[in-house]
Amino acid sequence: MNADSQIIHEGSGRRSAETVAGYLSAMAIFVGLIGIAWHPLRLILPSLVIALVASGMAEKSRRLPFAAVFICTGCLFFGFTVAVATSNPLW
């Protein structure tokens, strides 16, 4: 139990948070894309919140969470557009 083992242990905790952020980002993108065709408010708003949480969790690898926020925002816009154009309910 020297100082080197503690440094390795601390670094592995940060990598697990970035891994969870990646999974959350992928889930947010998937749910956001599904929400375009089916209940935009019910699906896309929570996916946008999840993408924002994942973006806050990621420190080094910010590309996927950053893309998830923009994809979910675009899905919200297109989901509203599709729902209004097809006279489907938003909720």
PDB file of N, CA and C in Angstrom:
ATOM      1  N   MET A   1       0.826  -1.182   0.000  1.00  0.00           N
ATOM      2  CA  MET A   1       0.000   0.000   0.000  1.00  0.00           C
ATOM      3  C   MET A   1       0.875   1.253   0.000  1.00  0.00           C
ATOM      4  N   ASN A   2       1.515   1.495  -1.074  1.00  0.00           N
ATOM      5  CA  ASN A   2       2.328   2.701  -1.167  1.00  0.00           C
ATOM      6  C   ASN A   2       1.568   3.787  -1.924  1.00  0.00           C
ATOM      7  N   ALA A   3       2.211   4.885  -2.150  1.00  0.00           N
ATOM      8  CA  ALA A   3       1.566   6.034  -2.797  1.00  0.00           C
ATOM      9  C   ALA A   3       1.220   5.740  -4.249  1.00  0.00           C
ATOM     10  N   ASP A   4       1.995   4.881  -4.925  1.00  0.00           N
ATOM     11  CA  ASP A   4       1.715   4.570  -6.324  1.00  0.00           C
ATOM     12  C   ASP A   4       0.379   3.846  -6.490  1.00  0.00           C
ATOM     13  N   SER A   5       0.063   2.941  -5.599  1.00  0.00           N
ATOM     14  CA  SER A   5      -1.207   2.219  -5.704  1.00  0.00           C
ATOM     15  C   SER A   5      -2.391   3.139  -5.465  1.00  0.00           C
ATOM     16  N   GLN A   6      -2.230   4.149  -4.630  1.00  0.00           N
ATOM     17  CA  GLN A   6      -3.312   5.100  -4.397  1.00  0.00           C
ATOM     18  C   GLN A   6      -3.530   5.987  -5.609  1.00  0.00           C
ATOM     19  N   ILE A   7      -2.486   6.352  -6.292  1.00  0.00           N
ATOM     20  CA  ILE A   7      -2.609   7.181  -7.493  1.00  0.00           C
ATOM     21  C   ILE A   7      -3.314   6.402  -8.598  1.00  0.00           C
ATOM     22  N   ILE A   8      -2.972   5.151  -8.761  1.00  0.00           N
ATOM     23  CA  ILE A   8      -3.635   4.323  -9.774  1.00  0.00           C
ATOM     24  C   ILE A   8      -5.107   4.162  -9.436  1.00  0.00           C
ATOM     25  N   HIS A   9      -5.426   3.976  -8.173  1.00  0.00           N
ATOM     26  CA  HIS A   9      -6.820   3.794  -7.756  1.00  0.00           C
ATOM     27  C   HIS A   9      -7.634   5.069  -8.010  1.00  0.00           C
ATOM     28  N   GLU A  10      -7.067   6.247  -7.749  1.00  0.00           N
ATOM     29  CA  GLU A  10      -7.795   7.489  -7.977  1.00  0.00           C
ATOM     30  C   GLU A  10      -8.035   7.725  -9.458  1.00  0.00           C
ATOM     31  N   GLY A  11      -7.091   7.401 -10.298  1.00  0.00           N
ATOM     32  CA  GLY A  11      -7.255   7.589 -11.733  1.00  0.00           C
ATOM     33  C   GLY A  11      -8.304   6.671 -12.326  1.00  0.00           C
ATOM     34  N   SER A  12      -8.436   5.462 -11.798  1.00  0.00           N
ATOM     35  CA  SER A  12      -9.418   4.530 -12.338  1.00  0.00           C
ATOM     36  C   SER A  12     -10.836   4.968 -12.007  1.00  0.00           C
ATOM     37  N   GLY A  13     -11.056   5.693 -10.939  1.00  0.00           N
ATOM     38  CA  GLY A  13     -12.386   6.197 -10.603  1.00  0.00           C
ATOM     39  C   GLY A  13     -12.857   7.240 -11.589  1.00  0.00           C
ATOM     40  N   ARG A  14     -11.961   8.060 -12.051  1.00  0.00           N
ATOM     41  CA  ARG A  14     -12.336   9.091 -13.023  1.00  0.00           C
ATOM     42  C   ARG A  14     -12.667   8.454 -14.364  1.00  0.00           C
ATOM     43  N   ARG A  15     -11.948   7.405 -14.731  1.00  0.00           N
ATOM     44  CA  ARG A  15     -12.238   6.737 -15.998  1.00  0.00           C
ATOM     45  C   ARG A  15     -13.600   6.068 -15.960  1.00  0.00           C
ATOM     46  N   SER A  16     -14.003   5.552 -14.825  1.00  0.00           N
ATOM     47  CA  SER A  16     -15.320   4.920 -14.749  1.00  0.00           C
ATOM     48  C   SER A  16     -16.422   5.961 -14.881  1.00  0.00           C
ATOM     49  N   ALA A  17     -16.211   7.162 -14.356  1.00  0.00           N
ATOM     50  CA  ALA A  17     -17.203   8.228 -14.519  1.00  0.00           C
ATOM     51  C   ALA A  17     -17.318   8.636 -15.984  1.00  0.00           C
ATOM     52  N   GLU A  18     -16.212   8.662 -16.693  1.00  0.00           N
ATOM     53  CA  GLU A  18     -16.260   8.994 -18.117  1.00  0.00           C
ATOM     54  C   GLU A  18     -16.924   7.891 -18.916  1.00  0.00           C
ATOM     55  N   THR A  19     -16.758   6.640 -18.498  1.00  0.00           N
ATOM     56  CA  THR A  19     -17.430   5.527 -19.156  1.00  0.00           C
ATOM     57  C   THR A  19     -18.936   5.618 -18.956  1.00  0.00           C
ATOM     58  N   VAL A  20     -19.355   5.919 -17.745  1.00  0.00           N
ATOM     59  CA  VAL A  20     -20.786   6.082 -17.469  1.00  0.00           C
ATOM     60  C   VAL A  20     -21.339   7.265 -18.264  1.00  0.00           C
ATOM     61  N   ALA A  21     -20.573   8.336 -18.374  1.00  0.00           N
ATOM     62  CA  ALA A  21     -21.007   9.490 -19.161  1.00  0.00           C
ATOM     63  C   ALA A  21     -21.177   9.111 -20.630  1.00  0.00           C
ATOM     64  N   GLY A  22     -20.319   8.255 -21.144  1.00  0.00           N
ATOM     65  CA  GLY A  22     -20.459   7.797 -22.522  1.00  0.00           C
ATOM     66  C   GLY A  22     -21.716   6.974 -22.732  1.00  0.00           C
ATOM     67  N   TYR A  23     -21.988   6.079 -21.784  1.00  0.00           N
ATOM     68  CA  TYR A  23     -23.219   5.282 -21.884  1.00  0.00           C
ATOM     69  C   TYR A  23     -24.466   6.149 -21.764  1.00  0.00           C
ATOM     70  N   LEU A  24     -24.447   7.105 -20.861  1.00  0.00           N
ATOM     71  CA  LEU A  24     -25.585   8.010 -20.724  1.00  0.00           C
ATOM     72  C   LEU A  24     -25.786   8.843 -21.983  1.00  0.00           C
ATOM     73  N   SER A  25     -24.694   9.256 -22.592  1.00  0.00           N
ATOM     74  CA  SER A  25     -24.791  10.038 -23.831  1.00  0.00           C
ATOM     75  C   SER A  25     -25.385   9.205 -24.952  1.00  0.00           C
ATOM     76  N   ALA A  26     -24.938   7.972 -25.074  1.00  0.00           N
ATOM     77  CA  ALA A  26     -25.483   7.100 -26.117  1.00  0.00           C
ATOM     78  C   ALA A  26     -26.966   6.825 -25.889  1.00  0.00           C
ATOM     79  N   MET A  27     -27.344   6.629 -24.628  1.00  0.00           N
ATOM     80  CA  MET A  27     -28.759   6.398 -24.323  1.00  0.00           C
ATOM     81  C   MET A  27     -29.585   7.646 -24.627  1.00  0.00           C
ATOM     82  N   ALA A  28     -29.056   8.824 -24.302  1.00  0.00           N
ATOM     83  CA  ALA A  28     -29.776  10.064 -24.573  1.00  0.00           C
ATOM     84  C   ALA A  28     -29.973  10.278 -26.072  1.00  0.00           C
ATOM     85  N   ILE A  29     -28.961   9.961 -26.871  1.00  0.00           N
ATOM     86  CA  ILE A  29     -29.090  10.093 -28.319  1.00  0.00           C
ATOM     87  C   ILE A  29     -30.141   9.138 -28.845  1.00  0.00           C
ATOM     88  N   PHE A  30     -30.128   7.905 -28.389  1.00  0.00           N
ATOM     89  CA  PHE A  30     -31.091   6.909 -28.846  1.00  0.00           C
ATOM     90  C   PHE A  30     -32.519   7.315 -28.493  1.00  0.00           C
ATOM     91  N   VAL A  31     -32.733   7.713 -27.251  1.00  0.00           N
ATOM     92  CA  VAL A  31     -34.081   8.098 -26.818  1.00  0.00           C
ATOM     93  C   VAL A  31     -34.521   9.373 -27.529  1.00  0.00           C
ATOM     94  N   GLY A  32     -33.616  10.294 -27.759  1.00  0.00           N
ATOM     95  CA  GLY A  32     -33.959  11.520 -28.481  1.00  0.00           C
ATOM     96  C   GLY A  32     -34.391  11.247 -29.909  1.00  0.00           C
ATOM     97  N   LEU A  33     -33.705  10.336 -30.577  1.00  0.00           N
ATOM     98  CA  LEU A  33     -34.079  10.000 -31.945  1.00  0.00           C
ATOM     99  C   LEU A  33     -35.415   9.264 -32.009  1.00  0.00           C
ATOM    100  N   ILE A  34     -35.684   8.420 -31.021  1.00  0.00           N
ATOM    101  CA  ILE A  34     -36.979   7.745 -30.957  1.00  0.00           C
ATOM    102  C   ILE A  34     -38.086   8.768 -30.685  1.00  0.00           C
ATOM    103  N   GLY A  35     -37.782   9.782 -29.900  1.00  0.00           N
ATOM    104  CA  GLY A  35     -38.768  10.794 -29.533  1.00  0.00           C
ATOM    105  C   GLY A  35     -39.237  11.651 -30.684  1.00  0.00           C
ATOM    106  N   ILE A  36     -38.488  11.698 -31.783  1.00  0.00           N
ATOM    107  CA  ILE A  36     -38.940  12.476 -32.944  1.00  0.00           C
ATOM    108  C   ILE A  36     -40.246  11.914 -33.470  1.00  0.00           C
ATOM    109  N   ALA A  37     -40.355  10.610 -33.515  1.00  0.00           N
ATOM    110  CA  ALA A  37     -41.541   9.979 -34.088  1.00  0.00           C
ATOM    111  C   ALA A  37     -42.612   9.676 -33.047  1.00  0.00           C
ATOM    112  N   TRP A  38     -42.272   9.703 -31.755  1.00  0.00           N
ATOM    113  CA  TRP A  38     -43.241   9.258 -30.757  1.00  0.00           C
ATOM    114  C   TRP A  38     -43.134  10.110 -29.497  1.00  0.00           C
ATOM    115  N   HIS A  39     -44.082  10.978 -29.242  1.00  0.00           N
ATOM    116  CA  HIS A  39     -44.190  11.820 -28.048  1.00  0.00           C
ATOM    117  C   HIS A  39     -42.919  12.622 -27.757  1.00  0.00           C
ATOM    118  N   PRO A  40     -42.727  13.720 -28.455  1.00  0.00           N
ATOM    119  CA  PRO A  40     -41.497  14.497 -28.281  1.00  0.00           C
ATOM    120  C   PRO A  40     -41.254  15.000 -26.850  1.00  0.00           C
ATOM    121  N   LEU A  41     -42.279  15.541 -26.210  1.00  0.00           N
ATOM    122  CA  LEU A  41     -42.053  16.071 -24.863  1.00  0.00           C
ATOM    123  C   LEU A  41     -41.778  14.976 -23.851  1.00  0.00           C
ATOM    124  N   ARG A  42     -42.433  13.863 -23.987  1.00  0.00           N
ATOM    125  CA  ARG A  42     -42.310  12.782 -23.011  1.00  0.00           C
ATOM    126  C   ARG A  42     -40.943  12.103 -23.087  1.00  0.00           C
ATOM    127  N   LEU A  43     -40.334  12.075 -24.245  1.00  0.00           N
ATOM    128  CA  LEU A  43     -39.062  11.369 -24.396  1.00  0.00           C
ATOM    129  C   LEU A  43     -37.857  12.291 -24.549  1.00  0.00           C
ATOM    130  N   ILE A  44     -37.999  13.351 -25.314  1.00  0.00           N
ATOM    131  CA  ILE A  44     -36.821  14.151 -25.653  1.00  0.00           C
ATOM    132  C   ILE A  44     -36.377  15.038 -24.496  1.00  0.00           C
ATOM    133  N   LEU A  45     -37.305  15.612 -23.756  1.00  0.00           N
ATOM    134  CA  LEU A  45     -36.880  16.457 -22.633  1.00  0.00           C
ATOM    135  C   LEU A  45     -36.092  15.678 -21.576  1.00  0.00           C
ATOM    136  N   PRO A  46     -36.544  14.483 -21.156  1.00  0.00           N
ATOM    137  CA  PRO A  46     -35.689  13.725 -20.223  1.00  0.00           C
ATOM    138  C   PRO A  46     -34.351  13.306 -20.839  1.00  0.00           C
ATOM    139  N   SER A  47     -34.354  13.002 -22.141  1.00  0.00           N
ATOM    140  CA  SER A  47     -33.077  12.637 -22.769  1.00  0.00           C
ATOM    141  C   SER A  47     -32.133  13.836 -22.828  1.00  0.00           C
ATOM    142  N   LEU A  48     -32.689  15.026 -22.980  1.00  0.00           N
ATOM    143  CA  LEU A  48     -31.855  16.229 -22.961  1.00  0.00           C
ATOM    144  C   LEU A  48     -31.262  16.457 -21.569  1.00  0.00           C
ATOM    145  N   VAL A  49     -32.036  16.201 -20.538  1.00  0.00           N
ATOM    146  CA  VAL A  49     -31.524  16.316 -19.166  1.00  0.00           C
ATOM    147  C   VAL A  49     -30.421  15.285 -18.926  1.00  0.00           C
ATOM    148  N   ILE A  50     -30.628  14.063 -19.402  1.00  0.00           N
ATOM    149  CA  ILE A  50     -29.604  13.019 -19.250  1.00  0.00           C
ATOM    150  C   ILE A  50     -28.333  13.399 -20.006  1.00  0.00           C
ATOM    151  N   ALA A  51     -28.482  13.986 -21.190  1.00  0.00           N
ATOM    152  CA  ALA A  51     -27.310  14.418 -21.960  1.00  0.00           C
ATOM    153  C   ALA A  51     -26.561  15.531 -21.232  1.00  0.00           C
ATOM    154  N   LEU A  52     -27.289  16.433 -20.587  1.00  0.00           N
ATOM    155  CA  LEU A  52     -26.631  17.496 -19.831  1.00  0.00           C
ATOM    156  C   LEU A  52     -25.903  16.947 -18.606  1.00  0.00           C
ATOM    157  N   VAL A  53     -26.482  15.963 -17.938  1.00  0.00           N
ATOM    158  CA  VAL A  53     -25.816  15.326 -16.801  1.00  0.00           C
ATOM    159  C   VAL A  53     -24.548  14.613 -17.269  1.00  0.00           C
ATOM    160  N   ALA A  54     -24.649  13.904 -18.396  1.00  0.00           N
ATOM    161  CA  ALA A  54     -23.472  13.220 -18.940  1.00  0.00           C
ATOM    162  C   ALA A  54     -22.397  14.212 -19.346  1.00  0.00           C
ATOM    163  N   SER A  55     -22.804  15.352 -19.858  1.00  0.00           N
ATOM    164  CA  SER A  55     -21.836  16.377 -20.228  1.00  0.00           C
ATOM    165  C   SER A  55     -21.121  16.941 -19.001  1.00  0.00           C
ATOM    166  N   GLY A  56     -21.824  17.027 -17.899  1.00  0.00           N
ATOM    167  CA  GLY A  56     -21.192  17.478 -16.663  1.00  0.00           C
ATOM    168  C   GLY A  56     -20.271  16.439 -16.055  1.00  0.00           C
ATOM    169  N   MET A  57     -20.559  15.162 -16.294  1.00  0.00           N
ATOM    170  CA  MET A  57     -19.725  14.088 -15.744  1.00  0.00           C
ATOM    171  C   MET A  57     -18.413  13.923 -16.499  1.00  0.00           C
ATOM    172  N   ALA A  58     -18.433  14.153 -17.801  1.00  0.00           N
ATOM    173  CA  ALA A  58     -17.243  13.914 -18.624  1.00  0.00           C
ATOM    174  C   ALA A  58     -16.270  15.073 -18.469  1.00  0.00           C
ATOM    175  N   GLU A  59     -15.025  14.725 -18.253  1.00  0.00           N
ATOM    176  CA  GLU A  59     -14.028  15.767 -18.116  1.00  0.00           C
ATOM    177  C   GLU A  59     -13.067  15.785 -19.302  1.00  0.00           C
ATOM    178  N   LYS A  60     -12.477  14.647 -19.598  1.00  0.00           N
ATOM    179  CA  LYS A  60     -11.495  14.617 -20.677  1.00  0.00           C
ATOM    180  C   LYS A  60     -12.138  14.379 -22.034  1.00  0.00           C
ATOM    181  N   SER A  61     -12.930  13.344 -22.125  1.00  0.00           N
ATOM    182  CA  SER A  61     -13.547  13.015 -23.417  1.00  0.00           C
ATOM    183  C   SER A  61     -14.915  13.684 -23.492  1.00  0.00           C
ATOM    184  N   ARG A  62     -14.951  14.881 -24.007  1.00  0.00           N
ATOM    185  CA  ARG A  62     -16.180  15.653 -24.048  1.00  0.00           C
ATOM    186  C   ARG A  62     -16.883  15.589 -25.396  1.00  0.00           C
ATOM    187  N   ARG A  63     -16.387  14.860 -26.340  1.00  0.00           N
ATOM    188  CA  ARG A  63     -16.979  14.894 -27.677  1.00  0.00           C
ATOM    189  C   ARG A  63     -18.339  14.229 -27.741  1.00  0.00           C
ATOM    190  N   LEU A  64     -18.491  13.035 -27.183  1.00  0.00           N
ATOM    191  CA  LEU A  64     -19.776  12.346 -27.236  1.00  0.00           C
ATOM    192  C   LEU A  64     -20.834  13.047 -26.386  1.00  0.00           C
ATOM    193  N   PRO A  65     -20.563  13.432 -25.151  1.00  0.00           N
ATOM    194  CA  PRO A  65     -21.595  14.170 -24.406  1.00  0.00           C
ATOM    195  C   PRO A  65     -21.952  15.509 -25.041  1.00  0.00           C
ATOM    196  N   PHE A  66     -20.981  16.187 -25.606  1.00  0.00           N
ATOM    197  CA  PHE A  66     -21.246  17.444 -26.303  1.00  0.00           C
ATOM    198  C   PHE A  66     -22.134  17.205 -27.518  1.00  0.00           C
ATOM    199  N   ALA A  67     -21.845  16.149 -28.260  1.00  0.00           N
ATOM    200  CA  ALA A  67     -22.682  15.809 -29.417  1.00  0.00           C
ATOM    201  C   ALA A  67     -24.074  15.380 -28.972  1.00  0.00           C
ATOM    202  N   ALA A  68     -24.178  14.699 -27.836  1.00  0.00           N
ATOM    203  CA  ALA A  68     -25.487  14.253 -27.339  1.00  0.00           C
ATOM    204  C   ALA A  68     -26.374  15.447 -27.005  1.00  0.00           C
ATOM    205  N   VAL A  69     -25.800  16.486 -26.426  1.00  0.00           N
ATOM    206  CA  VAL A  69     -26.593  17.675 -26.105  1.00  0.00           C
ATOM    207  C   VAL A  69     -27.123  18.317 -27.382  1.00  0.00           C
ATOM    208  N   PHE A  70     -26.276  18.447 -28.391  1.00  0.00           N
ATOM    209  CA  PHE A  70     -26.725  19.068 -29.635  1.00  0.00           C
ATOM    210  C   PHE A  70     -27.694  18.181 -30.406  1.00  0.00           C
ATOM    211  N   ILE A  71     -27.493  16.882 -30.391  1.00  0.00           N
ATOM    212  CA  ILE A  71     -28.403  15.973 -31.081  1.00  0.00           C
ATOM    213  C   ILE A  71     -29.769  15.986 -30.407  1.00  0.00           C
ATOM    214  N   CYS A  72     -29.803  15.963 -29.082  1.00  0.00           N
ATOM    215  CA  CYS A  72     -31.089  15.996 -28.368  1.00  0.00           C
ATOM    216  C   CYS A  72     -31.799  17.330 -28.562  1.00  0.00           C
ATOM    217  N   THR A  73     -31.044  18.420 -28.634  1.00  0.00           N
ATOM    218  CA  THR A  73     -31.656  19.716 -28.904  1.00  0.00           C
ATOM    219  C   THR A  73     -32.248  19.752 -30.307  1.00  0.00           C
ATOM    220  N   GLY A  74     -31.526  19.221 -31.289  1.00  0.00           N
ATOM    221  CA  GLY A  74     -32.054  19.135 -32.648  1.00  0.00           C
ATOM    222  C   GLY A  74     -33.261  18.214 -32.731  1.00  0.00           C
ATOM    223  N   CYS A  75     -33.224  17.121 -31.983  1.00  0.00           N
ATOM    224  CA  CYS A  75     -34.366  16.203 -31.955  1.00  0.00           C
ATOM    225  C   CYS A  75     -35.592  16.883 -31.361  1.00  0.00           C
ATOM    226  N   LEU A  76     -35.384  17.740 -30.362  1.00  0.00           N
ATOM    227  CA  LEU A  76     -36.508  18.467 -29.777  1.00  0.00           C
ATOM    228  C   LEU A  76     -37.147  19.379 -30.814  1.00  0.00           C
ATOM    229  N   PHE A  77     -36.336  20.096 -31.559  1.00  0.00           N
ATOM    230  CA  PHE A  77     -36.855  20.978 -32.599  1.00  0.00           C
ATOM    231  C   PHE A  77     -37.577  20.182 -33.688  1.00  0.00           C
ATOM    232  N   PHE A  78     -36.942  19.133 -34.198  1.00  0.00           N
ATOM    233  CA  PHE A  78     -37.564  18.346 -35.262  1.00  0.00           C
ATOM    234  C   PHE A  78     -38.761  17.538 -34.754  1.00  0.00           C
ATOM    235  N   GLY A  79     -38.724  17.113 -33.511  1.00  0.00           N
ATOM    236  CA  GLY A  79     -39.868  16.410 -32.937  1.00  0.00           C
ATOM    237  C   GLY A  79     -41.082  17.304 -32.838  1.00  0.00           C
ATOM    238  N   PHE A  80     -40.878  18.554 -32.403  1.00  0.00           N
ATOM    239  CA  PHE A  80     -41.989  19.506 -32.375  1.00  0.00           C
ATOM    240  C   PHE A  80     -42.506  19.783 -33.779  1.00  0.00           C
ATOM    241  N   THR A  81     -41.597  19.929 -34.726  1.00  0.00           N
ATOM    242  CA  THR A  81     -41.992  20.204 -36.104  1.00  0.00           C
ATOM    243  C   THR A  81     -42.805  19.057 -36.684  1.00  0.00           C
ATOM    244  N   VAL A  82     -42.358  17.835 -36.475  1.00  0.00           N
ATOM    245  CA  VAL A  82     -43.072  16.670 -36.998  1.00  0.00           C
ATOM    246  C   VAL A  82     -44.435  16.521 -36.313  1.00  0.00           C
ATOM    247  N   ALA A  83     -44.487  16.751 -35.016  1.00  0.00           N
ATOM    248  CA  ALA A  83     -45.755  16.615 -34.280  1.00  0.00           C
ATOM    249  C   ALA A  83     -46.764  17.653 -34.738  1.00  0.00           C
ATOM    250  N   VAL A  84     -46.336  18.876 -34.980  1.00  0.00           N
ATOM    251  CA  VAL A  84     -47.254  19.907 -35.434  1.00  0.00           C
ATOM    252  C   VAL A  84     -47.669  19.655 -36.884  1.00  0.00           C
ATOM    253  N   ALA A  85     -46.739  19.242 -37.717  1.00  0.00           N
ATOM    254  CA  ALA A  85     -47.064  19.020 -39.133  1.00  0.00           C
ATOM    255  C   ALA A  85     -48.009  17.830 -39.327  1.00  0.00           C
ATOM    256  N   THR A  86     -47.920  16.839 -38.469  1.00  0.00           N
ATOM    257  CA  THR A  86     -48.776  15.661 -38.612  1.00  0.00           C
ATOM    258  C   THR A  86     -49.978  15.685 -37.658  1.00  0.00           C
ATOM    259  N   SER A  87     -50.162  16.777 -36.932  1.00  0.00           N
ATOM    260  CA  SER A  87     -51.256  16.936 -35.972  1.00  0.00           C
ATOM    261  C   SER A  87     -51.275  15.861 -34.895  1.00  0.00           C
ATOM    262  N   ASN A  88     -50.120  15.436 -34.472  1.00  0.00           N
ATOM    263  CA  ASN A  88     -49.997  14.493 -33.367  1.00  0.00           C
ATOM    264  C   ASN A  88     -49.816  15.250 -32.061  1.00  0.00           C
ATOM    265  N   PRO A  89     -50.192  14.667 -30.939  1.00  0.00           N
ATOM    266  CA  PRO A  89     -50.002  15.383 -29.662  1.00  0.00           C
ATOM    267  C   PRO A  89     -48.527  15.456 -29.287  1.00  0.00           C
ATOM    268  N   LEU A  90     -48.169  16.544 -28.638  1.00  0.00           N
ATOM    269  CA  LEU A  90     -46.788  16.692 -28.175  1.00  0.00           C
ATOM    270  C   LEU A  90     -46.529  15.853 -26.940  1.00  0.00           C
ATOM    271  N   TRP A  91     -47.555  15.625 -26.144  1.00  0.00           N
ATOM    272  CA  TRP A  91     -47.411  14.875 -24.907  1.00  0.00           C
ATOM    273  C   TRP A  91     -47.985  13.540 -25.093  1.00  0.00           C
TER     274      TRP A  91
END
